Amino acid sequence: MTANPSTIVLSNGATSGSSVISWTVTSPGVVSVILVDSNGNRYGGGGTTGSDTVTISQSTTFYLKDASTGIPQGSVSVAVTVASPPPPPQWPKVFIDSPSGTVCGGSIYAQGWAIDSKMPISSVVLQLDGQLIGNAEYGRARPDVCGGTNSVYPNYPGCPAVGWSLGIPHFLPPGNISPGAHQLTAVATTIDGRQQTATANFSVPSGTASIAPPNATGAVWQGTALLTGYAVTAGVSSIVISADGAQLGSATYAPAGAGEYQYAFSLNTTTLSNGRHTIGATLTTTDSPPYCTTQFFEIDVLNAVGSPGATAANNPAKQYVYFDQHVATAVNGAH
């Protein structure tokens, strides 16, 4: 006697399954048999051969019995197992590094990273207070996240180019962000359509001071570059220069007229990797409480490999920049 299949695998959550039992009797003198399971259920209609579909919900043994005497003529067992539940779906990871907490006014730099264990990220879309801003620039190197010596996710697709940022001219501008509480949402999508969402809450202070970003946008920088610009405020507590969200140091500044200060910062571009970088200038006033505001611009660094301290090229000594709706106009050597 045979059972096909001899093991029934139930899907997760199922309580029963089916198997076909087939039999042939070869015992001398036995001319009619019936099939009986260990629960007392009967199958088949007699004779020396037969086949029937049985439904079972636990490991069950089936017996052939002589239809006239009830003597067992053979047995076969059918096992029932329950399949493991399917693994939960895997979703991409997306994080917002900034903004968070209380941020400075002016242009607000949004950046973070997004990865997936299976597929590359196709897009990171940003929303501010539920309103669509647009696609972030995706693909900046983030060796701290993946692809680096001590990265958390060393072998994910796309490593280490998994960073995103909202770059010029799409910084979160003060004209669109009123003082108060706000929420930034980032939605990462993989090339096969899976999505994950992250949110960051932040607040913008009130204030009237302003600062122009240093020099002109779109320049190519090498070696040591002099960054200069102007701040409009009654008093300066500090002007801090940053690159890609990391502080580089404090600029020097001096009065340049009523309610106006000129600042300068010597940037050693060899401390930055070749490629596109976001430079920021953050003004903190002497008001009580202090008010801070930031403006950004982007540069392309192109230093010869292994040549630190190379002479700056294509870098005007000074360019004063005035911003109107974040469109830069450079006026060389004049204010």
Protein backbone atom coordinates (compact mmCIF):
# COMPACT_ATOMS: atom_id res chain seq x y z
CA MET A 1 0.00 0.00 0.00
CA THR A 2 1.34 3.48 -0.89
CA ALA A 3 0.46 7.09 -0.02
CA ASN A 4 1.10 9.99 -2.39
CA PRO A 5 2.28 12.33 -0.99
CA SER A 6 3.51 10.63 2.16
CA THR A 7 4.07 14.02 3.84
CA ILE A 8 1.62 16.91 3.60
CA VAL A 9 3.07 20.40 4.12
CA LEU A 10 0.41 22.82 5.25
CA SER A 11 0.77 26.52 4.50
CA ASN A 12 1.09 28.80 7.48
CA GLY A 13 -2.31 29.11 9.13
CA ALA A 14 -3.86 26.06 7.42
CA THR A 15 -5.39 23.31 9.59
CA SER A 16 -5.68 20.35 7.18
CA GLY A 17 -4.44 18.89 3.92
CA SER A 18 -5.11 16.07 1.45
CA SER A 19 -3.27 12.97 0.26
CA VAL A 20 -4.21 10.19 -2.16
CA ILE A 21 -3.97 6.67 -0.72
CA SER A 22 -3.65 3.81 -3.23
CA TRP A 23 -3.61 0.13 -2.33
CA THR A 24 -3.29 -3.36 -3.75
CA VAL A 25 -3.92 -6.53 -1.66
CA THR A 26 -1.66 -9.52 -2.25
CA SER A 27 -2.56 -11.59 0.84
CA PRO A 28 -3.82 -15.05 -0.15
CA GLY A 29 -7.54 -15.53 0.34
CA VAL A 30 -8.31 -11.81 0.84
CA VAL A 31 -10.74 -10.66 -1.84
CA SER A 32 -12.10 -7.40 -0.39
CA VAL A 33 -10.55 -4.73 1.82
CA ILE A 34 -11.47 -1.33 3.19
CA LEU A 35 -9.20 1.57 4.25
CA VAL A 36 -9.50 2.77 7.85
CA ASP A 37 -7.50 5.59 9.49
CA SER A 38 -6.41 5.81 13.11
CA ASN A 39 -9.39 8.09 13.79
CA GLY A 40 -11.86 5.41 12.66
CA ASN A 41 -12.76 6.96 9.30
CA ARG A 42 -13.39 4.47 6.44
CA TYR A 43 -12.44 4.86 2.78
CA GLY A 44 -12.77 2.72 -0.35
CA GLY A 45 -15.50 0.45 -1.60
CA GLY A 46 -13.99 -3.04 -1.28
CA GLY A 47 -12.07 -5.19 -3.77
CA THR A 48 -8.36 -5.97 -3.87
CA THR A 49 -7.29 -2.58 -5.29
CA GLY A 50 -8.44 0.95 -4.65
CA SER A 51 -7.58 4.61 -4.36
CA ASP A 52 -9.12 7.42 -2.36
CA THR A 53 -8.38 11.03 -1.37
CA VAL A 54 -8.17 11.49 2.35
CA THR A 55 -8.18 14.70 4.35
CA ILE A 56 -6.05 14.78 7.45
CA SER A 57 -5.20 17.38 10.07
CA GLN A 58 -2.53 15.52 12.00
CA SER A 59 -0.03 12.73 11.47
CA THR A 60 -2.30 9.79 10.67
CA THR A 61 -1.81 6.06 10.07
CA PHE A 62 -4.05 4.26 7.56
CA TYR A 63 -4.84 0.54 7.72
CA LEU A 64 -6.23 -1.95 5.22
CA LYS A 65 -8.63 -4.40 6.79
CA ASP A 66 -10.23 -7.54 5.43
CA ALA A 67 -13.81 -6.45 4.73
CA SER A 68 -15.23 -9.71 6.08
CA THR A 69 -12.96 -10.52 9.07
CA GLY A 70 -11.62 -7.05 10.03
CA ILE A 71 -8.05 -8.39 10.15
CA PRO A 72 -5.44 -5.68 9.27
CA GLN A 73 -3.68 -6.32 5.94
CA GLY A 74 -1.07 -3.52 5.93
CA SER A 75 -0.58 0.08 6.93
CA VAL A 76 0.92 3.35 5.72
CA SER A 77 1.52 6.61 7.55
CA VAL A 78 0.96 10.11 6.20
CA ALA A 79 2.75 12.87 8.10
CA VAL A 80 1.48 16.44 8.37
CA THR A 81 3.82 19.38 8.92
CA VAL A 82 3.12 23.10 9.03
CA ALA A 83 5.33 25.29 6.88
CA SER A 84 7.28 28.12 8.50
CA PRO A 85 5.64 31.51 8.11
CA PRO A 86 7.00 33.53 5.21
CA PRO A 87 9.62 36.12 6.17
CA PRO A 88 8.27 39.62 6.66
CA PRO A 89 8.79 41.94 3.70
CA GLN A 90 12.03 43.91 3.73
CA TRP A 91 11.76 47.67 3.42
CA PRO A 92 14.45 50.22 2.61
CA LYS A 93 15.98 52.35 5.33
CA VAL A 94 15.85 56.15 5.14
CA PHE A 95 17.10 58.63 7.71
CA ILE A 96 17.07 62.42 8.06
CA ASP A 97 20.27 63.78 9.62
CA SER A 98 19.19 67.41 9.41
CA PRO A 99 17.21 69.49 10.09
CA SER A 100 16.20 68.53 13.61
CA GLY A 101 15.44 70.39 16.81
CA THR A 102 15.75 74.17 16.68
CA VAL A 103 17.55 75.25 13.54
CA CYS A 104 18.86 78.56 12.30
CA GLY A 105 16.78 80.68 9.98
CA GLY A 106 17.80 81.47 6.43
CA SER A 107 18.28 78.52 4.12
CA ILE A 108 17.85 75.20 5.90
CA TYR A 109 20.08 72.35 4.79
CA ALA A 110 18.28 68.99 4.51
CA GLN A 111 20.41 65.85 4.30
CA GLY A 112 20.38 62.18 5.22
CA TRP A 113 20.86 58.74 3.72
CA ALA A 114 18.83 55.85 2.29
CA ILE A 115 19.78 52.22 1.62
CA ASP A 116 18.23 48.83 0.93
CA SER A 117 19.66 45.37 1.48
CA LYS A 118 18.44 44.04 -1.89
CA MET A 119 18.03 46.79 -4.46
CA PRO A 120 19.48 50.24 -5.15
CA ILE A 121 17.49 53.32 -4.17
CA SER A 122 15.84 55.00 -7.17
CA SER A 123 14.66 58.23 -5.50
CA VAL A 124 14.28 60.17 -2.27
CA VAL A 125 11.33 62.57 -2.34
CA LEU A 126 10.95 65.32 0.26
CA GLN A 127 7.86 66.98 1.69
CA LEU A 128 7.64 69.96 4.02
CA ASP A 129 4.57 70.10 6.25
CA GLY A 130 2.83 67.71 3.87
CA GLN A 131 3.61 69.73 0.74
CA LEU A 132 5.84 68.27 -1.97
CA ILE A 133 9.26 69.91 -2.30
CA GLY A 134 10.77 67.59 -4.91
CA ASN A 135 13.48 64.98 -5.36
CA ALA A 136 16.57 65.16 -3.21
CA GLU A 137 19.97 64.77 -4.82
CA TYR A 138 20.88 61.13 -4.15
CA GLY A 139 24.29 59.50 -4.40
CA ARG A 140 26.65 61.45 -2.14
CA ALA A 141 29.34 59.36 -0.48
CA ARG A 142 28.48 58.23 3.06
CA PRO A 143 31.23 55.81 4.10
CA ASP A 144 30.05 56.18 7.70
CA VAL A 145 26.82 54.43 6.67
CA CYS A 146 28.09 51.80 4.24
CA GLY A 147 31.15 50.93 2.21
CA GLY A 148 33.59 52.29 4.80
CA THR A 149 35.94 50.57 7.23
CA ASN A 150 33.64 51.00 10.23
CA SER A 151 30.33 51.42 8.43
CA VAL A 152 27.13 49.94 9.82
CA TYR A 153 25.92 48.40 6.53
CA PRO A 154 29.12 47.45 4.66
CA ASN A 155 27.74 45.44 1.73
CA TYR A 156 24.49 47.10 0.72
CA PRO A 157 23.82 47.97 -2.96
CA GLY A 158 25.13 51.38 -4.01
CA CYS A 159 27.62 51.77 -1.16
CA PRO A 160 29.04 54.23 -0.31
CA ALA A 161 26.99 56.60 -2.53
CA VAL A 162 23.84 56.45 -0.39
CA GLY A 163 23.64 60.01 0.94
CA TRP A 164 20.95 62.48 -0.09
CA SER A 165 20.65 66.22 0.27
CA LEU A 166 18.41 69.01 -0.89
CA GLY A 167 20.90 71.14 -2.75
CA ILE A 168 20.99 74.55 -4.40
CA PRO A 169 18.72 76.05 -5.49
CA HIS A 170 16.32 73.91 -3.51
CA PHE A 171 17.35 74.57 0.08
CA LEU A 172 14.41 75.11 2.35
CA PRO A 173 14.20 78.92 1.94
CA PRO A 174 13.01 81.31 4.64
CA GLY A 175 10.33 82.73 2.34
CA ASN A 176 8.58 79.33 2.44
CA ILE A 177 9.18 78.50 6.09
CA SER A 178 7.58 80.72 8.69
CA PRO A 179 8.95 80.85 12.23
CA GLY A 180 7.58 78.02 14.34
CA ALA A 181 7.27 74.24 14.20
CA HIS A 182 7.64 72.25 10.97
CA GLN A 183 8.02 68.67 9.79
CA LEU A 184 10.23 67.33 6.99
CA THR A 185 9.31 63.98 5.39
CA ALA A 186 11.64 61.86 3.26
CA VAL A 187 10.25 58.98 1.16
CA ALA A 188 12.83 56.54 -0.23
CA THR A 189 11.85 54.23 -3.11
CA THR A 190 13.80 51.23 -4.40
CA ILE A 191 14.03 50.33 -8.08
CA ASP A 192 11.47 47.55 -7.49
CA GLY A 193 8.97 49.96 -5.92
CA ARG A 194 9.30 49.32 -2.19
CA GLN A 195 9.13 52.45 -0.03
CA GLN A 196 10.02 53.68 3.42
CA THR A 197 9.31 57.02 5.08
CA ALA A 198 11.17 59.06 7.70
CA THR A 199 10.12 62.31 9.39
CA ALA A 200 12.00 64.98 11.30
CA ASN A 201 10.46 67.72 13.41
CA PHE A 202 12.20 71.07 13.69
CA SER A 203 11.45 74.68 14.58
CA VAL A 204 12.57 77.96 13.05
CA PRO A 205 13.22 81.00 15.29
CA SER A 206 12.13 84.56 14.59
CA GLY A 207 14.69 87.18 13.58
CA THR A 208 15.66 89.80 11.00
CA ALA A 209 19.42 89.41 10.61
CA SER A 210 20.75 88.05 7.32
CA ILE A 211 23.99 86.75 5.87
CA ALA A 212 25.06 86.35 2.26
CA PRO A 213 26.84 83.14 1.28
CA PRO A 214 30.56 83.61 0.60
CA ASN A 215 31.87 84.18 -2.91
CA ALA A 216 30.11 82.93 -6.04
CA THR A 217 28.34 79.66 -6.66
CA GLY A 218 29.52 77.12 -9.19
CA ALA A 219 33.26 77.86 -8.88
CA VAL A 220 35.97 75.18 -9.06
CA TRP A 221 38.30 75.32 -6.07
CA GLN A 222 41.82 74.05 -5.42
CA GLY A 223 44.28 74.46 -2.59
CA THR A 224 43.52 77.25 -0.12
CA ALA A 225 40.57 79.50 -0.99
CA LEU A 226 39.57 82.80 0.61
CA LEU A 227 35.85 82.96 1.37
CA THR A 228 34.42 86.44 1.90
CA GLY A 229 30.93 87.79 2.36
CA TYR A 230 28.70 90.21 4.27
CA ALA A 231 26.31 89.97 7.20
CA VAL A 232 23.56 92.46 8.05
CA THR A 233 22.92 92.68 11.79
CA ALA A 234 23.28 95.02 14.76
CA GLY A 235 25.91 92.78 16.33
CA VAL A 236 27.85 89.59 15.49
CA SER A 237 28.48 86.92 18.07
CA SER A 238 30.00 84.45 15.59
CA ILE A 239 30.12 83.46 11.92
CA VAL A 240 30.78 79.75 11.45
CA ILE A 241 31.71 78.12 8.14
CA SER A 242 30.63 74.54 7.42
CA ALA A 243 31.08 71.98 4.67
CA ASP A 244 28.38 69.38 4.03
CA GLY A 245 26.88 70.10 7.45
CA ALA A 246 30.15 69.73 9.40
CA GLN A 247 31.70 72.80 11.03
CA LEU A 248 35.08 73.86 9.64
CA GLY A 249 35.73 76.83 11.91
CA SER A 250 34.91 80.46 12.66
CA ALA A 251 35.34 83.26 10.16
CA THR A 252 36.92 86.58 11.07
CA TYR A 253 34.70 89.63 10.74
CA ALA A 254 34.83 93.41 11.02
CA PRO A 255 32.36 96.30 10.73
CA ALA A 256 31.80 97.41 7.15
CA GLY A 257 29.18 100.12 7.64
CA ALA A 258 26.10 100.81 9.70
CA GLY A 259 24.60 97.46 10.72
CA GLU A 260 26.88 95.53 8.35
CA TYR A 261 29.91 93.27 8.79
CA GLN A 262 32.36 91.75 6.34
CA TYR A 263 33.64 88.27 7.11
CA ALA A 264 36.47 86.12 5.74
CA PHE A 265 37.53 82.50 6.08
CA SER A 266 40.53 80.65 4.66
CA LEU A 267 39.32 77.28 3.38
CA ASN A 268 41.87 74.53 2.84
CA THR A 269 40.09 72.53 0.15
CA THR A 270 42.54 69.64 0.47
CA THR A 271 40.65 68.64 3.63
CA LEU A 272 37.66 67.92 1.37
CA SER A 273 37.33 65.14 -1.17
CA ASN A 274 37.25 66.03 -4.86
CA GLY A 275 33.73 66.67 -6.07
CA ARG A 276 30.68 68.73 -5.11
CA HIS A 277 30.43 70.17 -1.59
CA THR A 278 27.94 72.43 0.18
CA ILE A 279 29.51 75.39 1.99
CA GLY A 280 27.48 77.19 4.64
CA ALA A 281 27.92 80.43 6.56
CA THR A 282 26.00 80.67 9.85
CA LEU A 283 25.60 84.01 11.58
CA THR A 284 24.75 84.17 15.29
CA THR A 285 23.77 87.61 16.56
CA THR A 286 24.32 89.32 19.90
CA ASP A 287 20.57 89.70 20.37
CA SER A 288 18.92 88.42 23.52
CA PRO A 289 18.02 85.70 22.92
CA PRO A 290 20.58 85.16 20.13
CA TYR A 291 19.30 84.66 16.60
CA CYS A 292 21.10 82.59 13.98
CA THR A 293 20.68 82.39 10.22
CA THR A 294 22.47 80.36 7.55
CA GLN A 295 23.10 80.62 3.82
CA PHE A 296 24.66 77.97 1.60
CA PHE A 297 26.37 77.64 -1.74
CA GLU A 298 28.04 74.82 -3.60
CA ILE A 299 31.59 74.41 -4.87
CA ASP A 300 33.40 71.80 -6.91
CA VAL A 301 36.75 70.77 -5.42
CA LEU A 302 39.36 69.53 -7.86
CA ASN A 303 42.75 69.00 -6.23
CA ALA A 304 45.52 66.90 -7.72
CA VAL A 305 45.73 63.56 -5.92
CA GLY A 306 48.60 63.60 -3.44
CA SER A 307 49.22 67.34 -3.82
CA PRO A 308 47.95 69.05 -0.64
CA GLY A 309 48.28 72.79 -0.53
CA ALA A 310 48.14 73.25 -4.30
CA THR A 311 47.70 76.81 -5.55
CA ALA A 312 44.11 77.90 -5.86
CA ALA A 313 42.89 77.96 -9.45
CA ASN A 314 39.86 79.64 -10.98
CA ASN A 315 39.22 81.23 -7.60
CA PRO A 316 38.76 85.01 -7.55
CA ALA A 317 40.35 86.64 -4.49
CA LYS A 318 37.03 88.26 -3.54
CA GLN A 319 33.52 88.12 -4.85
CA TYR A 320 30.69 89.83 -3.02
CA VAL A 321 27.39 88.11 -3.57
CA TYR A 322 23.89 89.54 -3.27
CA PHE A 323 20.93 87.20 -3.20
CA ASP A 324 17.45 87.89 -4.52
CA GLN A 325 15.21 84.82 -4.22
CA HIS A 326 18.39 82.74 -4.03
CA VAL A 327 19.72 83.77 -7.45
CA ALA A 328 23.35 84.86 -7.06
CA THR A 329 24.87 87.91 -8.79
CA ALA A 330 28.63 88.28 -8.26
CA VAL A 331 30.25 91.71 -8.31
CA ASN A 332 34.03 91.34 -8.32
CA GLY A 333 35.93 93.57 -5.91
CA ALA A 334 33.06 95.93 -5.12
CA HIS A 335 30.17 96.19 -2.72
